[in-house]
């Protein structure tokens, strides 16, 4: 594997961590506000 392949993988992992936490928070809020329809 090339060095930039590893760099890309590391970047994806680093970017996915804050996105995952944001998604979990949004999903949790959506589960609570299930009766209220869609909540962004």
PDB file of N, CA and C in Angstrom:
ATOM      1  N   UNK A   1       0.834  -1.209   0.000  1.00  0.00           N
ATOM      2  CA  UNK A   1       0.000   0.000   0.000  1.00  0.00           C
ATOM      3  C   UNK A   1       0.867   1.258   0.000  1.00  0.00           C
ATOM      4  N   UNK A   2       0.399   2.236  -0.733  1.00  0.00           N
ATOM      5  CA  UNK A   2       1.123   3.506  -0.804  1.00  0.00           C
ATOM      6  C   UNK A   2       0.906   4.319   0.476  1.00  0.00           C
ATOM      7  N   UNK A   3       1.798   5.261   0.713  1.00  0.00           N
ATOM      8  CA  UNK A   3       1.710   6.061   1.943  1.00  0.00           C
ATOM      9  C   UNK A   3       0.457   6.925   1.956  1.00  0.00           C
ATOM     10  N   UNK A   4       0.048   7.410   0.774  1.00  0.00           N
ATOM     11  CA  UNK A   4      -1.142   8.272   0.730  1.00  0.00           C
ATOM     12  C   UNK A   4      -2.424   7.474   0.946  1.00  0.00           C
ATOM     13  N   UNK A   5      -2.368   6.180   0.696  1.00  0.00           N
ATOM     14  CA  UNK A   5      -3.523   5.328   1.003  1.00  0.00           C
ATOM     15  C   UNK A   5      -3.762   5.292   2.503  1.00  0.00           C
ATOM     16  N   UNK A   6      -2.670   5.120   3.256  1.00  0.00           N
ATOM     17  CA  UNK A   6      -2.755   5.125   4.722  1.00  0.00           C
ATOM     18  C   UNK A   6      -3.202   6.486   5.231  1.00  0.00           C
ATOM     19  N   UNK A   7      -2.701   7.551   4.585  1.00  0.00           N
ATOM     20  CA  UNK A   7      -3.070   8.917   4.967  1.00  0.00           C
ATOM     21  C   UNK A   7      -4.569   9.138   4.776  1.00  0.00           C
ATOM     22  N   UNK A   8      -5.090   8.630   3.665  1.00  0.00           N
ATOM     23  CA  UNK A   8      -6.523   8.745   3.383  1.00  0.00           C
ATOM     24  C   UNK A   8      -7.350   7.989   4.417  1.00  0.00           C
ATOM     25  N   UNK A   9      -6.902   6.780   4.761  1.00  0.00           N
ATOM     26  CA  UNK A   9      -7.602   5.963   5.761  1.00  0.00           C
ATOM     27  C   UNK A   9      -7.631   6.680   7.112  1.00  0.00           C
ATOM     28  N   UNK A  10      -6.485   7.229   7.515  1.00  0.00           N
ATOM     29  CA  UNK A  10      -6.392   7.961   8.787  1.00  0.00           C
ATOM     30  C   UNK A  10      -7.307   9.182   8.771  1.00  0.00           C
ATOM     31  N   UNK A  11      -7.314   9.912   7.649  1.00  0.00           N
ATOM     32  CA  UNK A  11      -8.180  11.086   7.521  1.00  0.00           C
ATOM     33  C   UNK A  11      -9.653  10.706   7.622  1.00  0.00           C
ATOM     34  N   UNK A  12     -10.033   9.624   6.968  1.00  0.00           N
ATOM     35  CA  UNK A  12     -11.426   9.157   7.012  1.00  0.00           C
ATOM     36  C   UNK A  12     -11.828   8.792   8.437  1.00  0.00           C
ATOM     37  N   UNK A  13     -10.929   8.084   9.136  1.00  0.00           N
ATOM     38  CA  UNK A  13     -11.204   7.697  10.528  1.00  0.00           C
ATOM     39  C   UNK A  13     -11.355   8.937  11.410  1.00  0.00           C
ATOM     40  N   UNK A  14     -10.432   9.888  11.252  1.00  0.00           N
ATOM     41  CA  UNK A  14     -10.475  11.112  12.054  1.00  0.00           C
ATOM     42  C   UNK A  14     -11.733  11.922  11.776  1.00  0.00           C
ATOM     43  N   UNK A  15     -12.164  11.944  10.516  1.00  0.00           N
ATOM     44  CA  UNK A  15     -13.375  12.673  10.158  1.00  0.00           C
ATOM     45  C   UNK A  15     -14.631  11.947  10.622  1.00  0.00           C
ATOM     46  N   UNK A  16     -14.588  10.623  10.638  1.00  0.00           N
ATOM     47  CA  UNK A  16     -15.780   9.839  10.972  1.00  0.00           C
ATOM     48  C   UNK A  16     -16.106   9.878  12.462  1.00  0.00           C
ATOM     49  N   UNK A  17     -15.103  10.124  13.310  1.00  0.00           N
ATOM     50  CA  UNK A  17     -15.342  10.152  14.760  1.00  0.00           C
ATOM     51  C   UNK A  17     -16.301  11.287  15.156  1.00  0.00           C
ATOM     52  N   UNK A  18     -16.035  12.567  14.797  1.00  0.00           N
ATOM     53  CA  UNK A  18     -16.997  13.624  15.153  1.00  0.00           C
ATOM     54  C   UNK A  18     -18.335  13.469  14.441  1.00  0.00           C
ATOM     55  N   UNK A  19     -18.310  12.958  13.208  1.00  0.00           N
ATOM     56  CA  UNK A  19     -19.559  12.737  12.484  1.00  0.00           C
ATOM     57  C   UNK A  19     -20.411  11.672  13.159  1.00  0.00           C
ATOM     58  N   UNK A  20     -19.754  10.642  13.691  1.00  0.00           N
ATOM     59  CA  UNK A  20     -20.464   9.554  14.356  1.00  0.00           C
ATOM     60  C   UNK A  20     -21.130  10.044  15.634  1.00  0.00           C
ATOM     61  N   UNK A  21     -20.405  10.856  16.420  1.00  0.00           N
ATOM     62  CA  UNK A  21     -20.971  11.386  17.662  1.00  0.00           C
ATOM     63  C   UNK A  21     -22.145  12.313  17.355  1.00  0.00           C
ATOM     64  N   UNK A  22     -21.997  13.111  16.281  1.00  0.00           N
ATOM     65  CA  UNK A  22     -23.068  14.019  15.878  1.00  0.00           C
ATOM     66  C   UNK A  22     -24.294  13.227  15.440  1.00  0.00           C
ATOM     67  N   UNK A  23     -24.047  12.144  14.699  1.00  0.00           N
ATOM     68  CA  UNK A  23     -25.139  11.297  14.224  1.00  0.00           C
ATOM     69  C   UNK A  23     -25.849  10.608  15.377  1.00  0.00           C
ATOM     70  N   UNK A  24     -25.093  10.138  16.365  1.00  0.00           N
ATOM     71  CA  UNK A  24     -25.676   9.475  17.535  1.00  0.00           C
ATOM     72  C   UNK A  24     -26.561  10.453  18.313  1.00  0.00           C
ATOM     73  N   UNK A  25     -26.080  11.686  18.490  1.00  0.00           N
ATOM     74  CA  UNK A  25     -26.866  12.713  19.189  1.00  0.00           C
ATOM     75  C   UNK A  25     -28.152  13.017  18.428  1.00  0.00           C
ATOM     76  N   UNK A  26     -28.015  13.146  17.093  1.00  0.00           N
ATOM     77  CA  UNK A  26     -29.179  13.445  16.257  1.00  0.00           C
ATOM     78  C   UNK A  26     -30.170  12.292  16.288  1.00  0.00           C
ATOM     79  N   UNK A  27     -29.661  11.070  16.228  1.00  0.00           N
ATOM     80  CA  UNK A  27     -30.519   9.881  16.244  1.00  0.00           C
ATOM     81  C   UNK A  27     -31.253   9.758  17.572  1.00  0.00           C
ATOM     82  N   UNK A  28     -30.542  10.044  18.672  1.00  0.00           N
ATOM     83  CA  UNK A  28     -31.136   9.983  20.004  1.00  0.00           C
ATOM     84  C   UNK A  28     -32.272  10.995  20.125  1.00  0.00           C
ATOM     85  N   UNK A  29     -32.038  12.213  19.592  1.00  0.00           N
ATOM     86  CA  UNK A  29     -33.057  13.246  19.629  1.00  0.00           C
ATOM     87  C   UNK A  29     -34.247  12.850  18.762  1.00  0.00           C
ATOM     88  N   UNK A  30     -33.973  12.188  17.644  1.00  0.00           N
ATOM     89  CA  UNK A  30     -35.034  11.755  16.745  1.00  0.00           C
ATOM     90  C   UNK A  30     -35.902  10.688  17.389  1.00  0.00           C
ATOM     91  N   UNK A  31     -35.275   9.787  18.135  1.00  0.00           N
ATOM     92  CA  UNK A  31     -36.024   8.734  18.817  1.00  0.00           C
ATOM     93  C   UNK A  31     -36.950   9.332  19.878  1.00  0.00           C
ATOM     94  N   UNK A  32     -36.469  10.373  20.566  1.00  0.00           N
ATOM     95  CA  UNK A  32     -37.276  11.033  21.598  1.00  0.00           C
ATOM     96  C   UNK A  32     -38.422  11.826  20.979  1.00  0.00           C
ATOM     97  N   UNK A  33     -38.145  12.493  19.864  1.00  0.00           N
ATOM     98  CA  UNK A  33     -39.147  13.335  19.206  1.00  0.00           C
ATOM     99  C   UNK A  33     -39.852  12.565  18.088  1.00  0.00           C
ATOM    100  N   UNK A  34     -40.113  11.290  18.327  1.00  0.00           N
ATOM    101  CA  UNK A  34     -40.706  10.451  17.289  1.00  0.00           C
ATOM    102  C   UNK A  34     -42.124  10.892  16.954  1.00  0.00           C
ATOM    103  N   UNK A  35     -42.859  11.360  17.957  1.00  0.00           N
ATOM    104  CA  UNK A  35     -44.237  11.781  17.735  1.00  0.00           C
ATOM    105  C   UNK A  35     -44.296  13.135  17.032  1.00  0.00           C
ATOM    106  N   UNK A  36     -43.259  13.932  17.226  1.00  0.00           N
ATOM    107  CA  UNK A  36     -43.230  15.277  16.652  1.00  0.00           C
ATOM    108  C   UNK A  36     -42.794  15.330  15.204  1.00  0.00           C
ATOM    109  N   UNK A  37     -42.642  14.193  14.569  1.00  0.00           N
ATOM    110  CA  UNK A  37     -42.241  14.156  13.169  1.00  0.00           C
ATOM    111  C   UNK A  37     -40.744  14.315  13.002  1.00  0.00           C
ATOM    112  N   UNK A  38     -40.345  14.855  11.865  1.00  0.00           N
ATOM    113  CA  UNK A  38     -38.915  14.984  11.564  1.00  0.00           C
ATOM    114  C   UNK A  38     -38.301  16.155  12.308  1.00  0.00           C
ATOM    115  N   UNK A  39     -37.107  15.899  12.847  1.00  0.00           N
ATOM    116  CA  UNK A  39     -36.385  16.934  13.588  1.00  0.00           C
ATOM    117  C   UNK A  39     -34.943  16.939  13.110  1.00  0.00           C
ATOM    118  N   UNK A  40     -34.511  18.060  12.565  1.00  0.00           N
ATOM    119  CA  UNK A  40     -33.153  18.118  12.008  1.00  0.00           C
ATOM    120  C   UNK A  40     -32.159  18.554  13.056  1.00  0.00           C
TER     121      UNK A  40
END
